Amino acid sequence: IVVEMGHEVIPVVEDTPVLAGVNGTDPFRQMDVFIE
């Protein structure tokens, strides 16, 4: 969901750092790859 929302939010932001809320306990993500 945060990846999908990134498509909606990041393109309209002009000059502000955008942070992702990451579910760090997700057992179905290889976290280093996901962060990258």
PDB file of all heavy atoms in Angstrom:
ATOM      1  N   ILE A   1       0.831  -1.205   0.000  1.00  0.00           N
ATOM      2  CA  ILE A   1       0.000   0.000   0.000  1.00  0.00           C
ATOM      3  C   ILE A   1       0.867   1.256   0.000  1.00  0.00           C
ATOM      4  O   ILE A   1       0.576   2.227  -0.703  1.00  0.00           O
ATOM      5  CB  ILE A   1      -0.972  -0.008   1.205  1.00  0.00           C
ATOM      6  CG1 ILE A   1      -2.074  -1.042   0.970  1.00  0.00           C
ATOM      7  CG2 ILE A   1      -1.592   1.378   1.427  1.00  0.00           C
ATOM      8  CD1 ILE A   1      -2.959  -1.290   2.182  1.00  0.00           C
ATOM      9  N   VAL A   2       1.949   1.249   0.772  1.00  0.00           N
ATOM     10  CA  VAL A   2       2.788   2.449   0.810  1.00  0.00           C
ATOM     11  C   VAL A   2       3.473   2.676  -0.531  1.00  0.00           C
ATOM     12  O   VAL A   2       3.697   3.822  -0.945  1.00  0.00           O
ATOM     13  CB  VAL A   2       3.799   2.393   1.981  1.00  0.00           C
ATOM     14  CG1 VAL A   2       5.040   1.581   1.638  1.00  0.00           C
ATOM     15  CG2 VAL A   2       4.226   3.795   2.396  1.00  0.00           C
ATOM     16  N   VAL A   3       3.806   1.611  -1.232  1.00  0.00           N
ATOM     17  CA  VAL A   3       4.366   1.756  -2.578  1.00  0.00           C
ATOM     18  C   VAL A   3       3.326   2.379  -3.515  1.00  0.00           C
ATOM     19  O   VAL A   3       3.626   3.309  -4.284  1.00  0.00           O
ATOM     20  CB  VAL A   3       4.850   0.395  -3.121  1.00  0.00           C
ATOM     21  CG1 VAL A   3       5.189   0.486  -4.606  1.00  0.00           C
ATOM     22  CG2 VAL A   3       6.061  -0.093  -2.337  1.00  0.00           C
ATOM     23  N   GLU A   4       2.081   1.883  -3.446  1.00  0.00           N
ATOM     24  CA  GLU A   4       1.004   2.443  -4.266  1.00  0.00           C
ATOM     25  C   GLU A   4       0.776   3.917  -3.946  1.00  0.00           C
ATOM     26  O   GLU A   4       0.611   4.750  -4.851  1.00  0.00           O
ATOM     27  CB  GLU A   4      -0.292   1.670  -4.027  1.00  0.00           C
ATOM     28  CG  GLU A   4      -0.281   0.229  -4.507  1.00  0.00           C
ATOM     29  CD  GLU A   4      -1.513  -0.532  -4.056  1.00  0.00           C
ATOM     30  OE1 GLU A   4      -2.400   0.097  -3.417  1.00  0.00           O
ATOM     31  OE2 GLU A   4      -1.603  -1.747  -4.314  1.00  0.00           O
ATOM     32  N   MET A   5       0.770   4.241  -2.674  1.00  0.00           N
ATOM     33  CA  MET A   5       0.552   5.627  -2.269  1.00  0.00           C
ATOM     34  C   MET A   5       1.696   6.524  -2.731  1.00  0.00           C
ATOM     35  O   MET A   5       1.495   7.707  -3.009  1.00  0.00           O
ATOM     36  CB  MET A   5       0.382   5.707  -0.752  1.00  0.00           C
ATOM     37  CG  MET A   5      -0.901   5.070  -0.251  1.00  0.00           C
ATOM     38  SD  MET A   5      -0.970   4.997   1.547  1.00  0.00           S
ATOM     39  CE  MET A   5      -1.152   6.734   1.959  1.00  0.00           C
ATOM     40  N   GLY A   6       2.884   5.952  -2.806  1.00  0.00           N
ATOM     41  CA  GLY A   6       4.026   6.712  -3.300  1.00  0.00           C
ATOM     42  C   GLY A   6       3.788   7.226  -4.711  1.00  0.00           C
ATOM     43  O   GLY A   6       4.171   8.357  -5.050  1.00  0.00           O
ATOM     44  N   HIS A   7       3.126   6.411  -5.540  1.00  0.00           N
ATOM     45  CA  HIS A   7       2.813   6.842  -6.907  1.00  0.00           C
ATOM     46  C   HIS A   7       1.893   8.061  -6.894  1.00  0.00           C
ATOM     47  O   HIS A   7       1.942   8.892  -7.809  1.00  0.00           O
ATOM     48  CB  HIS A   7       2.123   5.715  -7.684  1.00  0.00           C
ATOM     49  CG  HIS A   7       2.952   4.486  -7.863  1.00  0.00           C
ATOM     50  ND1 HIS A   7       4.275   4.527  -8.244  1.00  0.00           N
ATOM     51  CD2 HIS A   7       2.654   3.174  -7.719  1.00  0.00           C
ATOM     52  CE1 HIS A   7       4.747   3.303  -8.338  1.00  0.00           C
ATOM     53  NE2 HIS A   7       3.787   2.453  -8.008  1.00  0.00           N
ATOM     54  N   GLU A   8       1.036   8.155  -5.875  1.00  0.00           N
ATOM     55  CA  GLU A   8       0.071   9.243  -5.787  1.00  0.00           C
ATOM     56  C   GLU A   8       0.676  10.503  -5.170  1.00  0.00           C
ATOM     57  O   GLU A   8       0.339  11.630  -5.566  1.00  0.00           O
ATOM     58  CB  GLU A   8      -1.126   8.800  -4.942  1.00  0.00           C
ATOM     59  CG  GLU A   8      -1.839   7.559  -5.475  1.00  0.00           C
ATOM     60  CD  GLU A   8      -2.731   6.900  -4.435  1.00  0.00           C
ATOM     61  OE1 GLU A   8      -2.873   7.473  -3.325  1.00  0.00           O
ATOM     62  OE2 GLU A   8      -3.287   5.819  -4.720  1.00  0.00           O
ATOM     63  N   VAL A   9       1.568  10.315  -4.218  1.00  0.00           N
ATOM     64  CA  VAL A   9       2.056  11.447  -3.425  1.00  0.00           C
ATOM     65  C   VAL A   9       3.354  12.035  -3.960  1.00  0.00           C
ATOM     66  O   VAL A   9       3.480  13.260  -4.121  1.00  0.00           O
ATOM     67  CB  VAL A   9       2.234  11.023  -1.949  1.00  0.00           C
ATOM     68  CG1 VAL A   9       2.951  12.109  -1.151  1.00  0.00           C
ATOM     69  CG2 VAL A   9       0.885  10.695  -1.324  1.00  0.00           C
ATOM     70  N   ILE A  10       4.342  11.205  -4.217  1.00  0.00           N
ATOM     71  CA  ILE A  10       5.673  11.716  -4.564  1.00  0.00           C
ATOM     72  C   ILE A  10       5.657  12.654  -5.777  1.00  0.00           C
ATOM     73  O   ILE A  10       6.318  13.699  -5.759  1.00  0.00           O
ATOM     74  CB  ILE A  10       6.668  10.552  -4.746  1.00  0.00           C
ATOM     75  CG1 ILE A  10       6.954   9.907  -3.380  1.00  0.00           C
ATOM     76  CG2 ILE A  10       7.969  11.021  -5.387  1.00  0.00           C
ATOM     77  CD1 ILE A  10       7.822   8.661  -3.433  1.00  0.00           C
ATOM     78  N   PRO A  11       4.899  12.371  -6.837  1.00  0.00           N
ATOM     79  CA  PRO A  11       4.923  13.266  -7.994  1.00  0.00           C
ATOM     80  C   PRO A  11       4.409  14.677  -7.733  1.00  0.00           C
ATOM     81  O   PRO A  11       4.743  15.601  -8.489  1.00  0.00           O
ATOM     82  CB  PRO A  11       4.027  12.549  -9.021  1.00  0.00           C
ATOM     83  CG  PRO A  11       4.103  11.111  -8.649  1.00  0.00           C
ATOM     84  CD  PRO A  11       4.147  11.122  -7.145  1.00  0.00           C
ATOM     85  N   VAL A  12       3.583  14.879  -6.696  1.00  0.00           N
ATOM     86  CA  VAL A  12       3.040  16.218  -6.452  1.00  0.00           C
ATOM     87  C   VAL A  12       3.848  16.991  -5.420  1.00  0.00           C
ATOM     88  O   VAL A  12       3.583  18.168  -5.178  1.00  0.00           O
ATOM     89  CB  VAL A  12       1.558  16.164  -5.995  1.00  0.00           C
ATOM     90  CG1 VAL A  12       0.718  15.432  -7.020  1.00  0.00           C
ATOM     91  CG2 VAL A  12       1.404  15.525  -4.624  1.00  0.00           C
ATOM     92  N   VAL A  13       4.840  16.341  -4.802  1.00  0.00           N
ATOM     93  CA  VAL A  13       5.673  17.009  -3.795  1.00  0.00           C
ATOM     94  C   VAL A  13       6.847  17.669  -4.501  1.00  0.00           C
ATOM     95  O   VAL A  13       7.550  17.041  -5.288  1.00  0.00           O
ATOM     96  CB  VAL A  13       6.169  15.995  -2.742  1.00  0.00           C
ATOM     97  CG1 VAL A  13       7.125  16.665  -1.768  1.00  0.00           C
ATOM     98  CG2 VAL A  13       4.982  15.394  -2.001  1.00  0.00           C
ATOM     99  N   GLU A  14       7.069  18.945  -4.219  1.00  0.00           N
ATOM    100  CA  GLU A  14       8.073  19.703  -4.954  1.00  0.00           C
ATOM    101  C   GLU A  14       9.433  19.755  -4.267  1.00  0.00           C
ATOM    102  O   GLU A  14      10.466  19.614  -4.928  1.00  0.00           O
ATOM    103  CB  GLU A  14       7.562  21.125  -5.203  1.00  0.00           C
ATOM    104  CG  GLU A  14       6.318  21.164  -6.092  1.00  0.00           C
ATOM    105  CD  GLU A  14       5.823  22.570  -6.341  1.00  0.00           C
ATOM    106  OE1 GLU A  14       6.423  23.534  -5.791  1.00  0.00           O
ATOM    107  OE2 GLU A  14       4.838  22.723  -7.083  1.00  0.00           O
ATOM    108  N   ASP A  15       9.454  19.958  -2.953  1.00  0.00           N
ATOM    109  CA  ASP A  15      10.756  20.181  -2.315  1.00  0.00           C
ATOM    110  C   ASP A  15      10.740  19.782  -0.842  1.00  0.00           C
ATOM    111  O   ASP A  15      11.229  20.515   0.019  1.00  0.00           O
ATOM    112  CB  ASP A  15      11.154  21.659  -2.451  1.00  0.00           C
ATOM    113  CG  ASP A  15      12.600  21.906  -2.039  1.00  0.00           C
ATOM    114  OD1 ASP A  15      13.461  21.044  -2.304  1.00  0.00           O
ATOM    115  OD2 ASP A  15      12.871  22.970  -1.421  1.00  0.00           O
ATOM    116  N   THR A  16      10.169  18.613  -0.540  1.00  0.00           N
ATOM    117  CA  THR A  16      10.081  18.140   0.841  1.00  0.00           C
ATOM    118  C   THR A  16      10.419  16.654   0.876  1.00  0.00           C
ATOM    119  O   THR A  16       9.891  15.894   0.061  1.00  0.00           O
ATOM    120  CB  THR A  16       8.654  18.351   1.404  1.00  0.00           C
ATOM    121  OG1 THR A  16       8.281  19.722   1.239  1.00  0.00           O
ATOM    122  CG2 THR A  16       8.586  17.987   2.879  1.00  0.00           C
ATOM    123  N   PRO A  17      11.269  16.227   1.803  1.00  0.00           N
ATOM    124  CA  PRO A  17      11.553  14.795   1.914  1.00  0.00           C
ATOM    125  C   PRO A  17      10.286  13.995   2.224  1.00  0.00           C
ATOM    126  O   PRO A  17       9.498  14.391   3.083  1.00  0.00           O
ATOM    127  CB  PRO A  17      12.548  14.719   3.084  1.00  0.00           C
ATOM    128  CG  PRO A  17      13.176  16.071   3.141  1.00  0.00           C
ATOM    129  CD  PRO A  17      12.081  17.024   2.744  1.00  0.00           C
ATOM    130  N   VAL A  18      10.102  12.899   1.503  1.00  0.00           N
ATOM    131  CA  VAL A  18       8.951  12.019   1.712  1.00  0.00           C
ATOM    132  C   VAL A  18       9.443  10.713   2.320  1.00  0.00           C
ATOM    133  O   VAL A  18      10.364  10.080   1.795  1.00  0.00           O
ATOM    134  CB  VAL A  18       8.213  11.735   0.391  1.00  0.00           C
ATOM    135  CG1 VAL A  18       7.050  10.764   0.627  1.00  0.00           C
ATOM    136  CG2 VAL A  18       7.704  13.039  -0.231  1.00  0.00           C
ATOM    137  N   LEU A  19       8.839  10.321   3.436  1.00  0.00           N
ATOM    138  CA  LEU A  19       9.226   9.101   4.142  1.00  0.00           C
ATOM    139  C   LEU A  19       8.166   8.026   3.938  1.00  0.00           C
ATOM    140  O   LEU A  19       6.975   8.330   3.834  1.00  0.00           O
ATOM    141  CB  LEU A  19       9.394   9.359   5.643  1.00  0.00           C
ATOM    142  CG  LEU A  19      10.712   9.978   6.117  1.00  0.00           C
ATOM    143  CD1 LEU A  19      10.950  11.343   5.499  1.00  0.00           C
ATOM    144  CD2 LEU A  19      10.708  10.100   7.640  1.00  0.00           C
ATOM    145  N   ALA A  20       8.614   6.787   3.902  1.00  0.00           N
ATOM    146  CA  ALA A  20       7.704   5.648   3.782  1.00  0.00           C
ATOM    147  C   ALA A  20       7.496   5.010   5.143  1.00  0.00           C
ATOM    148  O   ALA A  20       8.463   4.767   5.875  1.00  0.00           O
ATOM    149  CB  ALA A  20       8.279   4.613   2.816  1.00  0.00           C
ATOM    150  N   GLY A  21       6.245   4.728   5.469  1.00  0.00           N
ATOM    151  CA  GLY A  21       5.962   3.929   6.651  1.00  0.00           C
ATOM    152  C   GLY A  21       6.153   2.467   6.289  1.00  0.00           C
ATOM    153  O   GLY A  21       5.425   1.929   5.454  1.00  0.00           O
ATOM    154  N   VAL A  22       7.151   1.839   6.891  1.00  0.00           N
ATOM    155  CA  VAL A  22       7.508   0.468   6.537  1.00  0.00           C
ATOM    156  C   VAL A  22       7.107  -0.493   7.650  1.00  0.00           C
ATOM    157  O   VAL A  22       7.409  -0.261   8.822  1.00  0.00           O
ATOM    158  CB  VAL A  22       9.030   0.340   6.280  1.00  0.00           C
ATOM    159  CG1 VAL A  22       9.408  -1.106   5.983  1.00  0.00           C
ATOM    160  CG2 VAL A  22       9.449   1.250   5.136  1.00  0.00           C
ATOM    161  N   ASN A  23       6.436  -1.567   7.253  1.00  0.00           N
ATOM    162  CA  ASN A  23       6.093  -2.630   8.192  1.00  0.00           C
ATOM    163  C   ASN A  23       7.322  -3.532   8.348  1.00  0.00           C
ATOM    164  O   ASN A  23       7.525  -4.462   7.573  1.00  0.00           O
ATOM    165  CB  ASN A  23       4.890  -3.418   7.682  1.00  0.00           C
ATOM    166  CG  ASN A  23       4.468  -4.521   8.631  1.00  0.00           C
ATOM    167  OD1 ASN A  23       5.008  -4.655   9.722  1.00  0.00           O
ATOM    168  ND2 ASN A  23       3.509  -5.317   8.216  1.00  0.00           N
ATOM    169  N   GLY A  24       8.124  -3.245   9.353  1.00  0.00           N
ATOM    170  CA  GLY A  24       9.372  -3.967   9.538  1.00  0.00           C
ATOM    171  C   GLY A  24       9.212  -5.411   9.958  1.00  0.00           C
ATOM    172  O   GLY A  24      10.154  -6.205   9.835  1.00  0.00           O
ATOM    173  N   THR A  25       8.031  -5.773  10.437  1.00  0.00           N
ATOM    174  CA  THR A  25       7.816  -7.162  10.874  1.00  0.00           C
ATOM    175  C   THR A  25       7.338  -8.058   9.735  1.00  0.00           C
ATOM    176  O   THR A  25       7.132  -9.254   9.942  1.00  0.00           O
ATOM    177  CB  THR A  25       6.782  -7.232  12.012  1.00  0.00           C
ATOM    178  OG1 THR A  25       5.501  -6.829  11.505  1.00  0.00           O
ATOM    179  CG2 THR A  25       7.183  -6.350  13.178  1.00  0.00           C
ATOM    180  N   ASP A  26       7.154  -7.490   8.550  1.00  0.00           N
ATOM    181  CA  ASP A  26       6.639  -8.235   7.403  1.00  0.00           C
ATOM    182  C   ASP A  26       7.557  -9.419   7.079  1.00  0.00           C
ATOM    183  O   ASP A  26       8.696  -9.226   6.648  1.00  0.00           O
ATOM    184  CB  ASP A  26       6.555  -7.288   6.200  1.00  0.00           C
ATOM    185  CG  ASP A  26       5.897  -7.927   4.983  1.00  0.00           C
ATOM    186  OD1 ASP A  26       5.752  -9.164   4.955  1.00  0.00           O
ATOM    187  OD2 ASP A  26       5.542  -7.170   4.057  1.00  0.00           O
ATOM    188  N   PRO A  27       7.076 -10.655   7.259  1.00  0.00           N
ATOM    189  CA  PRO A  27       7.934 -11.811   7.019  1.00  0.00           C
ATOM    190  C   PRO A  27       8.055 -12.183   5.544  1.00  0.00           C
ATOM    191  O   PRO A  27       8.784 -13.105   5.192  1.00  0.00           O
ATOM    192  CB  PRO A  27       7.242 -12.928   7.803  1.00  0.00           C
ATOM    193  CG  PRO A  27       5.795 -12.555   7.762  1.00  0.00           C
ATOM    194  CD  PRO A  27       5.754 -11.052   7.786  1.00  0.00           C
ATOM    195  N   PHE A  28       7.335 -11.445   4.678  1.00  0.00           N
ATOM    196  CA  PHE A  28       7.338 -11.756   3.255  1.00  0.00           C
ATOM    197  C   PHE A  28       8.119 -10.729   2.437  1.00  0.00           C
ATOM    198  O   PHE A  28       7.984 -10.669   1.219  1.00  0.00           O
ATOM    199  CB  PHE A  28       5.894 -11.858   2.742  1.00  0.00           C
ATOM    200  CG  PHE A  28       5.109 -12.904   3.470  1.00  0.00           C
ATOM    201  CD1 PHE A  28       4.189 -12.546   4.448  1.00  0.00           C
ATOM    202  CD2 PHE A  28       5.312 -14.255   3.218  1.00  0.00           C
ATOM    203  CE1 PHE A  28       3.469 -13.512   5.143  1.00  0.00           C
ATOM    204  CE2 PHE A  28       4.600 -15.229   3.909  1.00  0.00           C
ATOM    205  CZ  PHE A  28       3.681 -14.858   4.871  1.00  0.00           C
ATOM    206  N   ARG A  29       8.936  -9.923   3.110  1.00  0.00           N
ATOM    207  CA  ARG A  29       9.781  -8.951   2.435  1.00  0.00           C
ATOM    208  C   ARG A  29      11.235  -9.207   2.796  1.00  0.00           C
ATOM    209  O   ARG A  29      11.564  -9.405   3.974  1.00  0.00           O
ATOM    210  CB  ARG A  29       9.432  -7.518   2.854  1.00  0.00           C
ATOM    211  CG  ARG A  29       8.131  -6.954   2.309  1.00  0.00           C
ATOM    212  CD  ARG A  29       8.192  -6.703   0.816  1.00  0.00           C
ATOM    213  NE  ARG A  29       7.063  -5.929   0.328  1.00  0.00           N
ATOM    214  CZ  ARG A  29       5.819  -6.366   0.194  1.00  0.00           C
ATOM    215  NH1 ARG A  29       5.517  -7.595   0.538  1.00  0.00           N
ATOM    216  NH2 ARG A  29       4.867  -5.597  -0.288  1.00  0.00           N
ATOM    217  N   GLN A  30      12.105  -9.193   1.806  1.00  0.00           N
ATOM    218  CA  GLN A  30      13.541  -9.157   2.069  1.00  0.00           C
ATOM    219  C   GLN A  30      13.862  -7.696   2.290  1.00  0.00           C
ATOM    220  O   GLN A  30      13.897  -6.908   1.343  1.00  0.00           O
ATOM    221  CB  GLN A  30      14.326  -9.734   0.885  1.00  0.00           C
ATOM    222  CG  GLN A  30      15.801  -9.912   1.175  1.00  0.00           C
ATOM    223  CD  GLN A  30      16.520 -10.625   0.043  1.00  0.00           C
ATOM    224  OE1 GLN A  30      15.906 -11.374  -0.726  1.00  0.00           O
ATOM    225  NE2 GLN A  30      17.814 -10.387  -0.066  1.00  0.00           N
ATOM    226  N   MET A  31      14.067  -7.313   3.546  1.00  0.00           N
ATOM    227  CA  MET A  31      14.013  -5.909   3.915  1.00  0.00           C
ATOM    228  C   MET A  31      15.090  -5.053   3.256  1.00  0.00           C
ATOM    229  O   MET A  31      14.832  -3.904   2.881  1.00  0.00           O
ATOM    230  CB  MET A  31      14.061  -5.772   5.438  1.00  0.00           C
ATOM    231  CG  MET A  31      13.529  -4.440   5.948  1.00  0.00           C
ATOM    232  SD  MET A  31      11.870  -3.981   5.318  1.00  0.00           S
ATOM    233  CE  MET A  31      10.833  -5.265   6.007  1.00  0.00           C
ATOM    234  N   ASP A  32      16.292  -5.581   3.073  1.00  0.00           N
ATOM    235  CA  ASP A  32      17.319  -4.765   2.430  1.00  0.00           C
ATOM    236  C   ASP A  32      16.944  -4.443   0.991  1.00  0.00           C
ATOM    237  O   ASP A  32      17.143  -3.319   0.512  1.00  0.00           O
ATOM    238  CB  ASP A  32      18.683  -5.454   2.503  1.00  0.00           C
ATOM    239  CG  ASP A  32      18.692  -6.836   1.861  1.00  0.00           C
ATOM    240  OD1 ASP A  32      17.619  -7.442   1.684  1.00  0.00           O
ATOM    241  OD2 ASP A  32      19.799  -7.326   1.549  1.00  0.00           O
ATOM    242  N   VAL A  33      16.339  -5.401   0.302  1.00  0.00           N
ATOM    243  CA  VAL A  33      15.904  -5.182  -1.078  1.00  0.00           C
ATOM    244  C   VAL A  33      14.733  -4.198  -1.116  1.00  0.00           C
ATOM    245  O   VAL A  33      14.669  -3.309  -1.978  1.00  0.00           O
ATOM    246  CB  VAL A  33      15.499  -6.522  -1.733  1.00  0.00           C
ATOM    247  CG1 VAL A  33      14.921  -6.287  -3.129  1.00  0.00           C
ATOM    248  CG2 VAL A  33      16.699  -7.457  -1.790  1.00  0.00           C
ATOM    249  N   PHE A  34      13.807  -4.343  -0.175  1.00  0.00           N
ATOM    250  CA  PHE A  34      12.634  -3.457  -0.140  1.00  0.00           C
ATOM    251  C   PHE A  34      13.051  -2.015   0.139  1.00  0.00           C
ATOM    252  O   PHE A  34      12.562  -1.080  -0.509  1.00  0.00           O
ATOM    253  CB  PHE A  34      11.642  -3.944   0.914  1.00  0.00           C
ATOM    254  CG  PHE A  34      10.358  -3.153   0.943  1.00  0.00           C
ATOM    255  CD1 PHE A  34       9.551  -3.074  -0.186  1.00  0.00           C
ATOM    256  CD2 PHE A  34       9.959  -2.498   2.092  1.00  0.00           C
ATOM    257  CE1 PHE A  34       8.369  -2.348  -0.169  1.00  0.00           C
ATOM    258  CE2 PHE A  34       8.778  -1.775   2.122  1.00  0.00           C
ATOM    259  CZ  PHE A  34       7.976  -1.696   0.988  1.00  0.00           C
ATOM    260  N   ILE A  35      13.964  -1.811   1.093  1.00  0.00           N
ATOM    261  CA  ILE A  35      14.447  -0.468   1.408  1.00  0.00           C
ATOM    262  C   ILE A  35      15.125   0.144   0.185  1.00  0.00           C
ATOM    263  O   ILE A  35      14.904   1.320  -0.159  1.00  0.00           O
ATOM    264  CB  ILE A  35      15.428  -0.504   2.599  1.00  0.00           C
ATOM    265  CG1 ILE A  35      14.717  -0.964   3.882  1.00  0.00           C
ATOM    266  CG2 ILE A  35      16.086   0.864   2.798  1.00  0.00           C
ATOM    267  CD1 ILE A  35      13.688  -0.020   4.416  1.00  0.00           C
ATOM    268  N   GLU A  36      15.939  -0.645  -0.487  1.00  0.00           N
ATOM    269  CA  GLU A  36      16.611  -0.164  -1.695  1.00  0.00           C
ATOM    270  C   GLU A  36      15.595   0.245  -2.766  1.00  0.00           C
ATOM    271  O   GLU A  36      15.758   1.254  -3.460  1.00  0.00           O
ATOM    272  CB  GLU A  36      17.543  -1.247  -2.235  1.00  0.00           C
ATOM    273  CG  GLU A  36      18.398  -0.813  -3.409  1.00  0.00           C
ATOM    274  CD  GLU A  36      19.356  -1.896  -3.843  1.00  0.00           C
ATOM    275  OE1 GLU A  36      19.283  -3.030  -3.323  1.00  0.00           O
ATOM    276  OE2 GLU A  36      20.192  -1.608  -4.724  1.00  0.00           O
TER     277      GLU A  36
END
